[in-house]
Amino acid sequence: MTEHARERAAARESAFARSFFGTVGLLSTLCGIAAASMIFASVLITCQMIWMRFVMNASTIWQTEMVVYLMIAATMIGLPYVQRLRGHVNVDLLPMLLPPPARRALTAATLCLTIAVAGVVAFYGFELFHLAFERNWKSDTVWGVSLWIPYIAIPLGFGLFVLQLSADLIALITGRGDAGAPPAPGNVAPGNLSPGDKD
């Protein structure tokens, strides 16, 4: 392969990588916006429920259930965005004591284990969603909402979480840094190794 051909192949590879990491980052950001919107909507619904009960002295049917579903969905859908920001709780005492190569190996192992666990949850979450949709399960309440609607948040959230984790793992292995995530001081996620930590 000539030097020119190698340069073109590297440029194509780089463009694909930028596109991949950009798409994953965009999806994770949209998840964050969706999760924040759900939390905001649940606050508004709670205020409306309080108004109805204590001011209008009227009964409420759907509000409590809707708020519960929205908060659970916000937690599930928000997973990839929090991962992108390196916001998940971590204990970094041991990684900070390790030399950079061991730190990267520990980070890679942690990402692989997390991908495996999140993948299992996404798989069984999809199975639960599919059963609820196929059998038309409804909640045992006055509102009687179709349960596939809240259940879809499990496979969707964890599936996108796996995608973001995979992008982080690829970024770590290929030395691409943090795959576009903003830096988070003190964390030891894939992109948070300082330039001095590189081999």
N, C-alpha and C. Protein backbone atom coordinates (compact mmCIF):
# COMPACT_ATOMS: atom_id res chain seq x y z
N MET A 1 0.85 -1.19 0.00
CA MET A 1 0.00 0.00 0.00
C MET A 1 0.89 1.25 0.00
N THR A 2 0.59 2.18 -0.90
CA THR A 2 1.40 3.39 -0.99
C THR A 2 1.10 4.32 0.18
N GLU A 3 1.99 5.29 0.35
CA GLU A 3 1.82 6.27 1.44
C GLU A 3 0.53 7.05 1.26
N HIS A 4 0.22 7.41 0.00
CA HIS A 4 -1.00 8.17 -0.28
C HIS A 4 -2.25 7.37 0.07
N ALA A 5 -2.23 6.08 -0.29
CA ALA A 5 -3.37 5.20 0.01
C ALA A 5 -3.54 5.03 1.52
N ARG A 6 -2.40 4.93 2.23
CA ARG A 6 -2.46 4.81 3.69
C ARG A 6 -3.06 6.06 4.31
N GLU A 7 -2.67 7.21 3.78
CA GLU A 7 -3.20 8.48 4.30
C GLU A 7 -4.70 8.59 4.07
N ARG A 8 -5.15 8.16 2.87
CA ARG A 8 -6.59 8.19 2.58
C ARG A 8 -7.36 7.24 3.48
N ALA A 9 -6.81 6.04 3.72
CA ALA A 9 -7.46 5.07 4.60
C ALA A 9 -7.54 5.61 6.03
N ALA A 10 -6.46 6.26 6.47
CA ALA A 10 -6.45 6.84 7.83
C ALA A 10 -7.46 7.97 7.94
N ALA A 11 -7.56 8.77 6.87
CA ALA A 11 -8.53 9.88 6.87
C ALA A 11 -9.96 9.35 6.92
N ARG A 12 -10.24 8.27 6.14
CA ARG A 12 -11.57 7.67 6.16
C ARG A 12 -11.89 7.11 7.54
N GLU A 13 -10.89 6.44 8.12
CA GLU A 13 -11.05 5.86 9.46
C GLU A 13 -11.32 6.94 10.49
N SER A 14 -10.58 8.04 10.38
CA SER A 14 -10.74 9.15 11.30
C SER A 14 -12.11 9.80 11.15
N ALA A 15 -12.57 9.93 9.90
CA ALA A 15 -13.89 10.52 9.65
C ALA A 15 -14.99 9.62 10.21
N PHE A 16 -14.82 8.31 10.04
CA PHE A 16 -15.80 7.37 10.58
C PHE A 16 -15.83 7.44 12.11
N ALA A 17 -14.65 7.50 12.72
CA ALA A 17 -14.55 7.57 14.18
C ALA A 17 -15.22 8.84 14.69
N ARG A 18 -14.94 9.97 14.03
CA ARG A 18 -15.56 11.24 14.44
C ARG A 18 -17.07 11.16 14.33
N SER A 19 -17.53 10.55 13.23
CA SER A 19 -18.98 10.40 13.01
C SER A 19 -19.60 9.50 14.08
N PHE A 20 -18.93 8.38 14.40
CA PHE A 20 -19.44 7.45 15.40
C PHE A 20 -19.52 8.10 16.77
N PHE A 21 -18.40 8.69 17.20
CA PHE A 21 -18.38 9.31 18.52
C PHE A 21 -19.33 10.52 18.59
N GLY A 22 -19.44 11.24 17.49
CA GLY A 22 -20.36 12.39 17.45
C GLY A 22 -21.81 11.94 17.56
N THR A 23 -22.16 10.85 16.85
CA THR A 23 -23.53 10.33 16.89
C THR A 23 -23.88 9.81 18.27
N VAL A 24 -22.96 9.04 18.87
CA VAL A 24 -23.20 8.51 20.21
C VAL A 24 -23.33 9.66 21.22
N GLY A 25 -22.46 10.65 21.09
CA GLY A 25 -22.53 11.81 21.98
C GLY A 25 -23.84 12.57 21.84
N LEU A 26 -24.31 12.71 20.59
CA LEU A 26 -25.58 13.40 20.35
C LEU A 26 -26.74 12.62 20.96
N LEU A 27 -26.75 11.31 20.76
CA LEU A 27 -27.82 10.47 21.34
C LEU A 27 -27.82 10.58 22.87
N SER A 28 -26.65 10.54 23.47
CA SER A 28 -26.56 10.65 24.93
C SER A 28 -27.04 12.01 25.41
N THR A 29 -26.70 13.06 24.67
CA THR A 29 -27.16 14.41 25.03
C THR A 29 -28.67 14.51 24.92
N LEU A 30 -29.24 13.95 23.85
CA LEU A 30 -30.70 13.95 23.70
C LEU A 30 -31.38 13.19 24.84
N CYS A 31 -30.73 12.12 25.28
CA CYS A 31 -31.25 11.37 26.44
C CYS A 31 -31.26 12.25 27.68
N GLY A 32 -30.20 13.03 27.86
CA GLY A 32 -30.14 13.94 29.00
C GLY A 32 -31.24 14.99 28.95
N ILE A 33 -31.50 15.52 27.76
CA ILE A 33 -32.57 16.52 27.59
C ILE A 33 -33.92 15.88 27.89
N ALA A 34 -34.12 14.66 27.37
CA ALA A 34 -35.38 13.95 27.60
C ALA A 34 -35.59 13.67 29.09
N ALA A 35 -34.52 13.24 29.78
CA ALA A 35 -34.62 12.94 31.21
C ALA A 35 -34.94 14.20 32.01
N ALA A 36 -34.28 15.30 31.67
CA ALA A 36 -34.54 16.56 32.38
C ALA A 36 -35.97 17.03 32.12
N SER A 37 -36.45 16.84 30.90
CA SER A 37 -37.83 17.22 30.56
C SER A 37 -38.84 16.39 31.36
N MET A 38 -38.53 15.11 31.53
CA MET A 38 -39.42 14.24 32.32
C MET A 38 -39.48 14.68 33.78
N ILE A 39 -38.33 15.04 34.33
CA ILE A 39 -38.31 15.50 35.72
C ILE A 39 -39.10 16.80 35.85
N PHE A 40 -38.91 17.71 34.89
CA PHE A 40 -39.64 18.98 34.91
C PHE A 40 -41.14 18.74 34.80
N ALA A 41 -41.53 17.82 33.90
CA ALA A 41 -42.95 17.50 33.73
C ALA A 41 -43.53 16.89 35.01
N SER A 42 -42.75 16.05 35.69
CA SER A 42 -43.25 15.43 36.93
C SER A 42 -43.45 16.47 38.02
N VAL A 43 -42.59 17.50 38.05
CA VAL A 43 -42.76 18.59 39.02
C VAL A 43 -44.05 19.36 38.73
N LEU A 44 -44.29 19.67 37.45
CA LEU A 44 -45.51 20.37 37.07
C LEU A 44 -46.76 19.56 37.40
N ILE A 45 -46.71 18.27 37.14
CA ILE A 45 -47.86 17.40 37.43
C ILE A 45 -48.10 17.32 38.93
N THR A 46 -47.02 17.26 39.71
CA THR A 46 -47.16 17.24 41.18
C THR A 46 -47.82 18.53 41.67
N CYS A 47 -47.41 19.66 41.13
CA CYS A 47 -48.03 20.94 41.50
C CYS A 47 -49.51 20.96 41.13
N GLN A 48 -49.82 20.44 39.95
CA GLN A 48 -51.22 20.40 39.52
C GLN A 48 -52.03 19.48 40.43
N MET A 49 -51.43 18.36 40.86
CA MET A 49 -52.11 17.42 41.75
C MET A 49 -52.38 18.07 43.12
N ILE A 50 -51.41 18.80 43.63
CA ILE A 50 -51.60 19.50 44.91
C ILE A 50 -52.71 20.53 44.80
N TRP A 51 -52.72 21.27 43.69
CA TRP A 51 -53.77 22.26 43.46
C TRP A 51 -55.15 21.60 43.42
N MET A 52 -55.24 20.51 42.69
CA MET A 52 -56.52 19.81 42.56
C MET A 52 -57.01 19.28 43.92
N ARG A 53 -56.11 18.70 44.69
CA ARG A 53 -56.52 18.07 45.95
C ARG A 53 -56.83 19.08 47.04
N PHE A 54 -55.94 20.03 47.25
CA PHE A 54 -56.05 20.88 48.42
C PHE A 54 -56.68 22.23 48.17
N VAL A 55 -56.74 22.65 46.93
CA VAL A 55 -57.39 23.94 46.62
C VAL A 55 -58.77 23.70 46.02
N MET A 56 -58.82 22.86 44.99
CA MET A 56 -60.09 22.58 44.32
C MET A 56 -60.90 21.49 45.03
N ASN A 57 -60.26 20.78 45.99
CA ASN A 57 -60.91 19.71 46.73
C ASN A 57 -61.49 18.64 45.78
N ALA A 58 -60.72 18.33 44.74
CA ALA A 58 -61.15 17.33 43.75
C ALA A 58 -60.24 16.11 43.85
N SER A 59 -60.73 15.00 43.36
CA SER A 59 -59.93 13.77 43.39
C SER A 59 -58.99 13.74 42.18
N THR A 60 -57.90 13.02 42.35
CA THR A 60 -56.94 12.86 41.25
C THR A 60 -56.88 11.38 40.88
N ILE A 61 -56.69 11.12 39.59
CA ILE A 61 -56.73 9.74 39.10
C ILE A 61 -55.36 9.30 38.58
N TRP A 62 -54.79 10.09 37.72
CA TRP A 62 -53.61 9.65 36.98
C TRP A 62 -52.30 10.28 37.45
N GLN A 63 -52.36 11.34 38.23
CA GLN A 63 -51.16 12.14 38.51
C GLN A 63 -50.06 11.38 39.25
N THR A 64 -50.40 10.70 40.34
CA THR A 64 -49.38 10.00 41.13
C THR A 64 -48.67 8.95 40.29
N GLU A 65 -49.46 8.15 39.58
CA GLU A 65 -48.89 7.10 38.74
C GLU A 65 -48.00 7.68 37.64
N MET A 66 -48.46 8.76 37.05
CA MET A 66 -47.70 9.40 35.98
C MET A 66 -46.35 9.92 36.50
N VAL A 67 -46.36 10.51 37.68
CA VAL A 67 -45.12 11.04 38.26
C VAL A 67 -44.13 9.90 38.54
N VAL A 68 -44.63 8.80 39.07
CA VAL A 68 -43.76 7.64 39.34
C VAL A 68 -43.14 7.13 38.04
N TYR A 69 -43.95 6.97 37.00
CA TYR A 69 -43.44 6.47 35.72
C TYR A 69 -42.42 7.44 35.11
N LEU A 70 -42.71 8.74 35.21
CA LEU A 70 -41.79 9.73 34.65
C LEU A 70 -40.45 9.73 35.37
N MET A 71 -40.47 9.61 36.69
CA MET A 71 -39.21 9.60 37.45
C MET A 71 -38.38 8.35 37.16
N ILE A 72 -39.05 7.21 37.04
CA ILE A 72 -38.33 5.98 36.71
C ILE A 72 -37.75 6.08 35.30
N ALA A 73 -38.57 6.57 34.36
CA ALA A 73 -38.10 6.72 32.98
C ALA A 73 -36.94 7.71 32.89
N ALA A 74 -37.01 8.79 33.65
CA ALA A 74 -35.91 9.78 33.65
C ALA A 74 -34.61 9.14 34.15
N THR A 75 -34.73 8.27 35.14
CA THR A 75 -33.54 7.58 35.66
C THR A 75 -32.96 6.66 34.60
N MET A 76 -33.81 5.89 33.91
CA MET A 76 -33.34 4.96 32.89
C MET A 76 -32.76 5.70 31.67
N ILE A 77 -33.53 6.65 31.15
CA ILE A 77 -33.13 7.36 29.93
C ILE A 77 -31.92 8.26 30.19
N GLY A 78 -31.75 8.71 31.42
CA GLY A 78 -30.63 9.59 31.74
C GLY A 78 -29.29 8.89 31.88
N LEU A 79 -29.29 7.55 31.93
CA LEU A 79 -28.04 6.79 32.12
C LEU A 79 -26.93 7.14 31.12
N PRO A 80 -27.19 7.13 29.81
CA PRO A 80 -26.09 7.42 28.88
C PRO A 80 -25.53 8.83 29.01
N TYR A 81 -26.40 9.80 29.31
CA TYR A 81 -25.92 11.18 29.44
C TYR A 81 -25.02 11.33 30.67
N VAL A 82 -25.43 10.70 31.77
CA VAL A 82 -24.61 10.76 32.98
C VAL A 82 -23.27 10.07 32.75
N GLN A 83 -23.28 8.96 32.00
CA GLN A 83 -22.02 8.28 31.66
C GLN A 83 -21.15 9.18 30.79
N ARG A 84 -21.76 9.88 29.86
CA ARG A 84 -20.99 10.77 28.98
C ARG A 84 -20.31 11.87 29.78
N LEU A 85 -20.98 12.34 30.83
CA LEU A 85 -20.40 13.38 31.68
C LEU A 85 -19.50 12.82 32.78
N ARG A 86 -19.37 11.49 32.83
CA ARG A 86 -18.64 10.81 33.90
C ARG A 86 -19.24 11.15 35.26
N GLY A 87 -20.56 11.13 35.32
CA GLY A 87 -21.25 11.55 36.53
C GLY A 87 -21.66 10.42 37.45
N HIS A 88 -21.48 9.17 37.02
CA HIS A 88 -21.85 8.05 37.88
C HIS A 88 -20.90 7.97 39.07
N VAL A 89 -21.41 7.52 40.18
CA VAL A 89 -20.61 7.42 41.40
C VAL A 89 -19.46 6.45 41.17
N ASN A 90 -18.25 6.87 41.55
CA ASN A 90 -17.10 5.98 41.44
C ASN A 90 -16.16 6.20 42.63
N VAL A 91 -15.43 5.16 42.95
CA VAL A 91 -14.42 5.24 44.00
C VAL A 91 -13.07 5.23 43.30
N ASP A 92 -12.34 6.34 43.37
CA ASP A 92 -11.12 6.45 42.58
C ASP A 92 -9.83 6.39 43.40
N LEU A 93 -9.91 5.95 44.65
CA LEU A 93 -8.69 5.88 45.47
C LEU A 93 -7.70 4.88 44.89
N LEU A 94 -8.16 3.66 44.59
CA LEU A 94 -7.26 2.65 44.03
C LEU A 94 -6.71 3.06 42.66
N PRO A 95 -7.57 3.50 41.71
CA PRO A 95 -7.02 3.90 40.41
C PRO A 95 -5.98 5.02 40.51
N MET A 96 -6.17 5.95 41.45
CA MET A 96 -5.21 7.05 41.57
C MET A 96 -3.85 6.56 42.06
N LEU A 97 -3.83 5.44 42.77
CA LEU A 97 -2.57 4.90 43.27
C LEU A 97 -1.85 4.05 42.24
N LEU A 98 -2.56 3.66 41.19
CA LEU A 98 -1.97 2.78 40.18
C LEU A 98 -1.19 3.57 39.14
N PRO A 99 -0.19 2.95 38.51
CA PRO A 99 0.50 3.60 37.38
C PRO A 99 -0.45 3.67 36.18
N PRO A 100 -0.21 4.59 35.25
CA PRO A 100 -1.13 4.79 34.11
C PRO A 100 -1.51 3.54 33.33
N PRO A 101 -0.58 2.64 32.98
CA PRO A 101 -1.01 1.43 32.23
C PRO A 101 -1.99 0.56 33.02
N ALA A 102 -1.72 0.40 34.32
CA ALA A 102 -2.62 -0.41 35.16
C ALA A 102 -3.96 0.30 35.33
N ARG A 103 -3.91 1.62 35.39
CA ARG A 103 -5.15 2.40 35.51
C ARG A 103 -6.02 2.23 34.28
N ARG A 104 -5.39 2.26 33.09
CA ARG A 104 -6.14 2.06 31.86
C ARG A 104 -6.71 0.64 31.78
N ALA A 105 -5.92 -0.34 32.22
CA ALA A 105 -6.40 -1.73 32.21
C ALA A 105 -7.58 -1.90 33.16
N LEU A 106 -7.52 -1.27 34.33
CA LEU A 106 -8.62 -1.33 35.29
C LEU A 106 -9.87 -0.66 34.72
N THR A 107 -9.68 0.49 34.06
CA THR A 107 -10.80 1.20 33.45
C THR A 107 -11.45 0.35 32.36
N ALA A 108 -10.62 -0.30 31.53
CA ALA A 108 -11.14 -1.16 30.46
C ALA A 108 -11.92 -2.33 31.04
N ALA A 109 -11.38 -2.95 32.10
CA ALA A 109 -12.07 -4.08 32.73
C ALA A 109 -13.40 -3.64 33.34
N THR A 110 -13.41 -2.46 33.96
CA THR A 110 -14.64 -1.92 34.56
C THR A 110 -15.68 -1.65 33.48
N LEU A 111 -15.25 -1.07 32.36
CA LEU A 111 -16.18 -0.79 31.26
C LEU A 111 -16.75 -2.09 30.69
N CYS A 112 -15.90 -3.11 30.53
CA CYS A 112 -16.38 -4.39 30.00
C CYS A 112 -17.41 -5.03 30.92
N LEU A 113 -17.14 -5.02 32.22
CA LEU A 113 -18.09 -5.60 33.18
C LEU A 113 -19.40 -4.82 33.19
N THR A 114 -19.30 -3.50 33.12
CA THR A 114 -20.51 -2.66 33.12
C THR A 114 -21.33 -2.90 31.86
N ILE A 115 -20.65 -3.03 30.71
CA ILE A 115 -21.35 -3.33 29.45
C ILE A 115 -22.08 -4.66 29.56
N ALA A 116 -21.43 -5.66 30.16
CA ALA A 116 -22.05 -6.99 30.30
C ALA A 116 -23.30 -6.92 31.17
N VAL A 117 -23.21 -6.25 32.32
CA VAL A 117 -24.35 -6.16 33.24
C VAL A 117 -25.48 -5.34 32.61
N ALA A 118 -25.12 -4.18 32.04
CA ALA A 118 -26.14 -3.33 31.41
C ALA A 118 -26.79 -4.03 30.22
N GLY A 119 -26.00 -4.83 29.49
CA GLY A 119 -26.54 -5.58 28.36
C GLY A 119 -27.57 -6.61 28.80
N VAL A 120 -27.30 -7.28 29.92
CA VAL A 120 -28.25 -8.26 30.46
C VAL A 120 -29.55 -7.56 30.87
N VAL A 121 -29.43 -6.42 31.54
CA VAL A 121 -30.62 -5.67 31.97
C VAL A 121 -31.41 -5.20 30.75
N ALA A 122 -30.71 -4.72 29.71
CA ALA A 122 -31.38 -4.27 28.48
C ALA A 122 -32.12 -5.43 27.82
N PHE A 123 -31.49 -6.60 27.78
CA PHE A 123 -32.10 -7.78 27.15
C PHE A 123 -33.39 -8.18 27.88
N TYR A 124 -33.30 -8.34 29.19
CA TYR A 124 -34.49 -8.75 29.95
C TYR A 124 -35.52 -7.63 30.05
N GLY A 125 -35.04 -6.39 29.99
CA GLY A 125 -35.98 -5.27 29.95
C GLY A 125 -36.78 -5.27 28.67
N PHE A 126 -36.12 -5.60 27.55
CA PHE A 126 -36.83 -5.70 26.28
C PHE A 126 -37.84 -6.84 26.32
N GLU A 127 -37.44 -7.95 26.93
CA GLU A 127 -38.34 -9.10 27.06
C GLU A 127 -39.60 -8.71 27.84
N LEU A 128 -39.41 -7.97 28.94
CA LEU A 128 -40.54 -7.51 29.76
C LEU A 128 -41.44 -6.56 28.96
N PHE A 129 -40.81 -5.62 28.26
CA PHE A 129 -41.57 -4.69 27.41
C PHE A 129 -42.37 -5.43 26.35
N HIS A 130 -41.73 -6.42 25.71
CA HIS A 130 -42.39 -7.17 24.64
C HIS A 130 -43.58 -7.97 25.17
N LEU A 131 -43.41 -8.58 26.33
CA LEU A 131 -44.52 -9.32 26.94
C LEU A 131 -45.68 -8.40 27.27
N ALA A 132 -45.37 -7.25 27.85
CA ALA A 132 -46.42 -6.29 28.22
C ALA A 132 -47.15 -5.79 26.98
N PHE A 133 -46.41 -5.58 25.89
CA PHE A 133 -47.03 -5.11 24.65
C PHE A 133 -47.87 -6.19 24.00
N GLU A 134 -47.31 -7.41 23.94
CA GLU A 134 -47.99 -8.53 23.27
C GLU A 134 -49.27 -8.94 24.00
N ARG A 135 -49.21 -8.93 25.33
CA ARG A 135 -50.35 -9.39 26.14
C ARG A 135 -51.24 -8.25 26.62
N ASN A 136 -50.88 -7.04 26.19
CA ASN A 136 -51.67 -5.84 26.53
C ASN A 136 -51.89 -5.71 28.05
N TRP A 137 -50.78 -5.82 28.80
CA TRP A 137 -50.87 -5.66 30.24
C TRP A 137 -51.22 -4.22 30.57
N LYS A 138 -52.04 -4.05 31.60
CA LYS A 138 -52.41 -2.71 32.06
C LYS A 138 -52.16 -2.63 33.56
N SER A 139 -51.91 -1.42 34.04
CA SER A 139 -51.66 -1.25 35.47
C SER A 139 -52.96 -1.49 36.24
N ASP A 140 -52.83 -2.02 37.45
CA ASP A 140 -53.99 -2.35 38.28
C ASP A 140 -54.43 -1.12 39.06
N THR A 141 -54.76 -0.07 38.32
CA THR A 141 -55.19 1.20 38.92
C THR A 141 -56.42 1.71 38.18
N VAL A 142 -56.97 2.82 38.68
CA VAL A 142 -58.12 3.43 38.03
C VAL A 142 -57.74 3.91 36.63
N TRP A 143 -56.55 4.43 36.50
CA TRP A 143 -56.09 4.95 35.21
C TRP A 143 -55.91 3.81 34.21
N GLY A 144 -55.35 2.68 34.65
CA GLY A 144 -55.18 1.50 33.79
C GLY A 144 -54.31 1.74 32.58
N VAL A 145 -53.15 2.33 32.79
CA VAL A 145 -52.25 2.63 31.67
C VAL A 145 -51.65 1.34 31.10
N SER A 146 -51.44 1.30 29.80
CA SER A 146 -50.77 0.16 29.17
C SER A 146 -49.32 0.11 29.65
N LEU A 147 -48.92 -1.00 30.24
CA LEU A 147 -47.62 -1.07 30.90
C LEU A 147 -46.42 -1.09 29.96
N TRP A 148 -46.65 -1.38 28.67
CA TRP A 148 -45.52 -1.37 27.75
C TRP A 148 -44.95 0.05 27.62
N ILE A 149 -45.76 1.06 27.87
CA ILE A 149 -45.30 2.45 27.73
C ILE A 149 -44.22 2.77 28.77
N PRO A 150 -44.48 2.55 30.08
CA PRO A 150 -43.37 2.80 31.01
C PRO A 150 -42.24 1.77 30.91
N TYR A 151 -42.57 0.52 30.54
CA TYR A 151 -41.55 -0.52 30.49
C TYR A 151 -40.52 -0.29 29.39
N ILE A 152 -40.90 0.43 28.34
CA ILE A 152 -39.96 0.63 27.23
C ILE A 152 -38.74 1.44 27.64
N ALA A 153 -38.86 2.18 28.74
CA ALA A 153 -37.73 2.98 29.21
C ALA A 153 -36.56 2.10 29.64
N ILE A 154 -36.82 0.86 30.07
CA ILE A 154 -35.73 -0.01 30.56
C ILE A 154 -34.81 -0.43 29.42
N PRO A 155 -35.33 -1.10 28.36
CA PRO A 155 -34.40 -1.48 27.28
C PRO A 155 -33.82 -0.28 26.53
N LEU A 156 -34.61 0.77 26.40
CA LEU A 156 -34.13 1.95 25.69
C LEU A 156 -32.99 2.62 26.45
N GLY A 157 -33.21 2.85 27.74
CA GLY A 157 -32.19 3.51 28.55
C GLY A 157 -30.92 2.69 28.67
N PHE A 158 -31.07 1.41 29.00
CA PHE A 158 -29.89 0.56 29.17
C PHE A 158 -29.22 0.24 27.84
N GLY A 159 -30.00 0.15 26.75
CA GLY A 159 -29.41 -0.06 25.43
C GLY A 159 -28.51 1.10 25.03
N LEU A 160 -28.99 2.32 25.23
CA LEU A 160 -28.19 3.50 24.91
C LEU A 160 -27.02 3.67 25.88
N PHE A 161 -27.21 3.21 27.12
CA PHE A 161 -26.13 3.21 28.10
C PHE A 161 -25.00 2.30 27.62
N VAL A 162 -25.36 1.12 27.11
CA VAL A 162 -24.37 0.18 26.56
C VAL A 162 -23.64 0.83 25.38
N LEU A 163 -24.38 1.55 24.54
CA LEU A 163 -23.76 2.22 23.38
C LEU A 163 -22.73 3.25 23.83
N GLN A 164 -23.08 4.06 24.84
CA GLN A 164 -22.15 5.07 25.34
C GLN A 164 -20.94 4.41 26.01
N LEU A 165 -21.18 3.35 26.77
CA LEU A 165 -20.08 2.62 27.40
C LEU A 165 -19.15 2.02 26.34
N SER A 166 -19.74 1.50 25.27
CA SER A 166 -18.94 0.92 24.17
C SER A 166 -18.09 2.00 23.51
N ALA A 167 -18.67 3.17 23.31
CA ALA A 167 -17.90 4.28 22.73
C ALA A 167 -16.74 4.66 23.64
N ASP A 168 -17.00 4.68 24.95
CA ASP A 168 -15.93 4.99 25.91
C ASP A 168 -14.83 3.93 25.86
N LEU A 169 -15.22 2.67 25.74
CA LEU A 169 -14.24 1.59 25.69
C LEU A 169 -13.39 1.68 24.42
N ILE A 170 -14.04 1.93 23.29
CA ILE A 170 -13.31 2.08 22.02
C ILE A 170 -12.36 3.27 22.09
N ALA A 171 -12.84 4.36 22.69
CA ALA A 171 -12.00 5.55 22.83
C ALA A 171 -10.78 5.25 23.69
N LEU A 172 -10.98 4.48 24.75
CA LEU A 172 -9.87 4.13 25.64
C LEU A 172 -8.86 3.24 24.93
N ILE A 173 -9.36 2.23 24.21
CA ILE A 173 -8.47 1.27 23.54
C ILE A 173 -7.68 1.93 22.41
N THR A 174 -8.35 2.81 21.66
CA THR A 174 -7.70 3.45 20.52
C THR A 174 -6.94 4.72 20.90
N GLY A 175 -7.01 5.09 22.18
CA GLY A 175 -6.28 6.29 22.63
C GLY A 175 -6.89 7.58 22.15
N ARG A 176 -8.21 7.57 21.92
CA ARG A 176 -8.87 8.76 21.43
C ARG A 176 -9.34 9.68 22.55
N GLY A 177 -8.96 9.39 23.78
CA GLY A 177 -9.37 10.26 24.88
C GLY A 177 -10.76 9.92 25.33
N ASP A 178 -11.59 10.95 25.50
CA ASP A 178 -12.88 10.77 26.16
C ASP A 178 -14.06 10.70 25.21
N ALA A 179 -13.85 10.53 23.94
CA ALA A 179 -14.94 10.43 22.96
C ALA A 179 -15.86 11.62 22.99
N GLY A 180 -15.32 12.79 23.29
CA GLY A 180 -16.11 14.01 23.21
C GLY A 180 -16.76 14.46 24.50
N ALA A 181 -16.54 13.73 25.59
CA ALA A 181 -17.16 14.13 26.85
C ALA A 181 -16.37 15.27 27.47
N PRO A 182 -17.06 16.19 28.16
CA PRO A 182 -16.35 17.26 28.84
C PRO A 182 -15.49 16.69 29.97
N PRO A 183 -14.35 17.30 30.26
CA PRO A 183 -13.49 16.76 31.30
C PRO A 183 -14.12 16.86 32.67
N ALA A 184 -13.88 15.86 33.49
CA ALA A 184 -14.39 15.86 34.85
C ALA A 184 -13.22 15.66 35.80
N PRO A 185 -12.76 16.74 36.48
CA PRO A 185 -11.58 16.64 37.34
C PRO A 185 -11.76 15.59 38.41
N GLY A 186 -10.70 14.81 38.62
CA GLY A 186 -10.73 13.82 39.69
C GLY A 186 -11.22 12.46 39.29
N ASN A 187 -11.97 12.37 38.17
CA ASN A 187 -12.48 11.07 37.73
C ASN A 187 -11.41 10.34 36.93
N VAL A 188 -11.53 9.02 36.86
CA VAL A 188 -10.55 8.23 36.12
C VAL A 188 -11.24 7.44 35.02
N ALA A 189 -12.28 8.01 34.45
CA ALA A 189 -12.97 7.39 33.32
C ALA A 189 -12.06 7.47 32.11
N PRO A 190 -12.42 6.84 30.99
CA PRO A 190 -11.52 6.71 29.84
C PRO A 190 -10.82 7.98 29.42
N GLY A 191 -11.52 9.08 29.39
CA GLY A 191 -10.92 10.29 28.87
C GLY A 191 -10.25 11.13 29.91
N ASN A 192 -10.17 10.67 31.15
CA ASN A 192 -9.68 11.53 32.20
C ASN A 192 -8.25 11.22 32.61
N LEU A 193 -7.52 10.50 31.77
CA LEU A 193 -6.11 10.33 32.02
C LEU A 193 -5.42 11.58 31.52
N SER A 194 -4.60 12.16 32.34
CA SER A 194 -3.92 13.40 31.95
C SER A 194 -2.87 13.10 30.90
N PRO A 195 -2.42 14.13 30.13
CA PRO A 195 -1.42 13.89 29.10
C PRO A 195 -0.17 13.21 29.64
N GLY A 196 0.20 13.49 30.88
CA GLY A 196 1.37 12.87 31.48
C GLY A 196 1.19 11.39 31.76
N ASP A 197 -0.09 10.93 31.73
CA ASP A 197 -0.37 9.52 31.99
C ASP A 197 -0.18 8.65 30.77
N LYS A 198 -0.02 9.25 29.62
CA LYS A 198 0.10 8.47 28.38
C LYS A 198 1.46 7.78 28.34
N ASP A 199 1.50 6.62 27.69
CA ASP A 199 2.78 5.92 27.56
C ASP A 199 3.69 6.65 26.60
